[in-house]
Amino acid sequence: MSLTIDLPPDLEAELAAEAARLHLPLPEYLVHVIAVGRPPNPMPRTGAEVVAYWEREGLLGTRTDITDPTEHVRALREKSEKREQ
């Protein structure tokens, strides 16, 4: 499907910059944005900012499969420490 959208120049520039930062062609990035949304701007930098973002997005409590959050975080940390960079 083809779709033509007239974007304000400032939004177009912002989207083009995000696409370039991700090394994606603008049309491919826009398909991604439409499918999953844009990342928060600015990105959360502290734990409190991440939790506030999750609250705004309604994400807290959605992972009912995680019964012990502390153990889950510990396992994620261990896995990331063993990962090759």
C-alpha atoms as a PDB file:
ATOM      1  CA  MET A   1       0.000   0.000   0.000  1.00  0.00           C
ATOM      2  CA  SER A   2       1.236   3.468  -0.787  1.00  0.00           C
ATOM      3  CA  LEU A   3       0.342   6.452   1.338  1.00  0.00           C
ATOM      4  CA  THR A   4       1.223  10.121   0.975  1.00  0.00           C
ATOM      5  CA  ILE A   5       1.401  12.274   4.103  1.00  0.00           C
ATOM      6  CA  ASP A   6       2.274  15.967   4.253  1.00  0.00           C
ATOM      7  CA  LEU A   7       4.484  16.444   7.297  1.00  0.00           C
ATOM      8  CA  PRO A   8       5.484  19.749   8.856  1.00  0.00           C
ATOM      9  CA  PRO A   9       9.120  20.464   7.907  1.00  0.00           C
ATOM     10  CA  ASP A  10      10.337  20.277  11.512  1.00  0.00           C
ATOM     11  CA  LEU A  11       8.766  16.835  12.031  1.00  0.00           C
ATOM     12  CA  GLU A  12      10.161  15.605   8.732  1.00  0.00           C
ATOM     13  CA  ALA A  13      13.643  16.775   9.748  1.00  0.00           C
ATOM     14  CA  GLU A  14      13.330  15.113  13.160  1.00  0.00           C
ATOM     15  CA  LEU A  15      12.214  11.811  11.652  1.00  0.00           C
ATOM     16  CA  ALA A  16      14.946  11.955   9.013  1.00  0.00           C
ATOM     17  CA  ALA A  17      17.559  12.577  11.720  1.00  0.00           C
ATOM     18  CA  GLU A  18      16.290   9.610  13.759  1.00  0.00           C
ATOM     19  CA  ALA A  19      16.394   7.388  10.667  1.00  0.00           C
ATOM     20  CA  ALA A  20      19.935   8.510   9.863  1.00  0.00           C
ATOM     21  CA  ARG A  21      21.045   7.871  13.452  1.00  0.00           C
ATOM     22  CA  LEU A  22      19.732   4.311  13.120  1.00  0.00           C
ATOM     23  CA  HIS A  23      21.295   3.920   9.636  1.00  0.00           C
ATOM     24  CA  LEU A  24      17.872   3.264   8.109  1.00  0.00           C
ATOM     25  CA  PRO A  25      16.290   4.706   4.987  1.00  0.00           C
ATOM     26  CA  LEU A  26      13.556   7.151   5.997  1.00  0.00           C
ATOM     27  CA  PRO A  27      10.697   5.084   4.465  1.00  0.00           C
ATOM     28  CA  GLU A  28      11.847   1.956   6.330  1.00  0.00           C
ATOM     29  CA  TYR A  29      12.109   3.902   9.581  1.00  0.00           C
ATOM     30  CA  LEU A  30       8.608   5.352   9.095  1.00  0.00           C
ATOM     31  CA  VAL A  31       7.138   1.872   8.619  1.00  0.00           C
ATOM     32  CA  HIS A  32       8.808   0.904  11.904  1.00  0.00           C
ATOM     33  CA  VAL A  33       7.440   4.013  13.653  1.00  0.00           C
ATOM     34  CA  ILE A  34       3.925   3.299  12.436  1.00  0.00           C
ATOM     35  CA  ALA A  35       4.163  -0.342  13.493  1.00  0.00           C
ATOM     36  CA  VAL A  36       5.665   0.084  16.974  1.00  0.00           C
ATOM     37  CA  GLY A  37       5.820   3.792  17.783  1.00  0.00           C
ATOM     38  CA  ARG A  38       8.628   6.220  18.418  1.00  0.00           C
ATOM     39  CA  PRO A  39      11.071   5.912  21.287  1.00  0.00           C
ATOM     40  CA  PRO A  40      10.630   8.371  24.152  1.00  0.00           C
ATOM     41  CA  ASN A  41      12.279  11.722  23.683  1.00  0.00           C
ATOM     42  CA  PRO A  42      14.428  12.275  25.601  1.00  0.00           C
ATOM     43  CA  MET A  43      15.343   8.710  26.477  1.00  0.00           C
ATOM     44  CA  PRO A  44      15.068   7.891  30.196  1.00  0.00           C
ATOM     45  CA  ARG A  45      18.500   8.002  31.837  1.00  0.00           C
ATOM     46  CA  THR A  46      17.811   6.948  35.423  1.00  0.00           C
ATOM     47  CA  GLY A  47      15.850   4.149  36.989  1.00  0.00           C
ATOM     48  CA  ALA A  48      13.233   6.629  38.214  1.00  0.00           C
ATOM     49  CA  GLU A  49      12.809   8.028  34.688  1.00  0.00           C
ATOM     50  CA  VAL A  50      12.398   4.505  33.284  1.00  0.00           C
ATOM     51  CA  VAL A  51       9.737   3.666  35.872  1.00  0.00           C
ATOM     52  CA  ALA A  52       7.937   6.975  35.172  1.00  0.00           C
ATOM     53  CA  TYR A  53       7.992   6.158  31.435  1.00  0.00           C
ATOM     54  CA  TRP A  54       6.631   2.660  32.061  1.00  0.00           C
ATOM     55  CA  GLU A  55       3.845   4.136  34.208  1.00  0.00           C
ATOM     56  CA  ARG A  56       2.899   6.682  31.501  1.00  0.00           C
ATOM     57  CA  GLU A  57       2.828   3.911  28.887  1.00  0.00           C
ATOM     58  CA  GLY A  58       0.779   1.571  31.077  1.00  0.00           C
ATOM     59  CA  LEU A  59       3.489  -1.086  31.124  1.00  0.00           C
ATOM     60  CA  LEU A  60       3.817  -1.692  34.859  1.00  0.00           C
ATOM     61  CA  GLY A  61       2.309  -5.018  35.852  1.00  0.00           C
ATOM     62  CA  THR A  62       2.080  -6.354  32.302  1.00  0.00           C
ATOM     63  CA  ARG A  63       4.736  -9.065  32.792  1.00  0.00           C
ATOM     64  CA  THR A  64       2.740 -11.408  34.994  1.00  0.00           C
ATOM     65  CA  ASP A  65       5.187 -14.191  34.080  1.00  0.00           C
ATOM     66  CA  ILE A  66       7.859 -12.457  36.225  1.00  0.00           C
ATOM     67  CA  THR A  67       7.049 -13.576  39.753  1.00  0.00           C
ATOM     68  CA  ASP A  68      10.331 -12.452  41.377  1.00  0.00           C
ATOM     69  CA  PRO A  69      11.510  -9.151  39.833  1.00  0.00           C
ATOM     70  CA  THR A  70      14.760  -9.096  41.823  1.00  0.00           C
ATOM     71  CA  GLU A  71      15.751 -12.556  40.610  1.00  0.00           C
ATOM     72  CA  HIS A  72      14.710 -11.686  37.060  1.00  0.00           C
ATOM     73  CA  VAL A  73      16.946  -8.596  37.067  1.00  0.00           C
ATOM     74  CA  ARG A  74      19.821 -10.609  38.548  1.00  0.00           C
ATOM     75  CA  ALA A  75      19.504 -13.195  35.752  1.00  0.00           C
ATOM     76  CA  LEU A  76      19.386 -10.485  33.082  1.00  0.00           C
ATOM     77  CA  ARG A  77      22.479  -8.830  34.546  1.00  0.00           C
ATOM     78  CA  GLU A  78      24.396 -12.127  34.619  1.00  0.00           C
ATOM     79  CA  LYS A  79      23.388 -12.885  31.047  1.00  0.00           C
ATOM     80  CA  SER A  80      24.514  -9.442  29.855  1.00  0.00           C
ATOM     81  CA  GLU A  81      27.866  -9.764  31.662  1.00  0.00           C
ATOM     82  CA  LYS A  82      28.586 -13.025  29.791  1.00  0.00           C
ATOM     83  CA  ARG A  83      27.608 -11.571  26.423  1.00  0.00           C
ATOM     84  CA  GLU A  84      30.415 -10.882  23.936  1.00  0.00           C
ATOM     85  CA  GLN A  85      30.767  -7.244  22.969  1.00  0.00           C
END
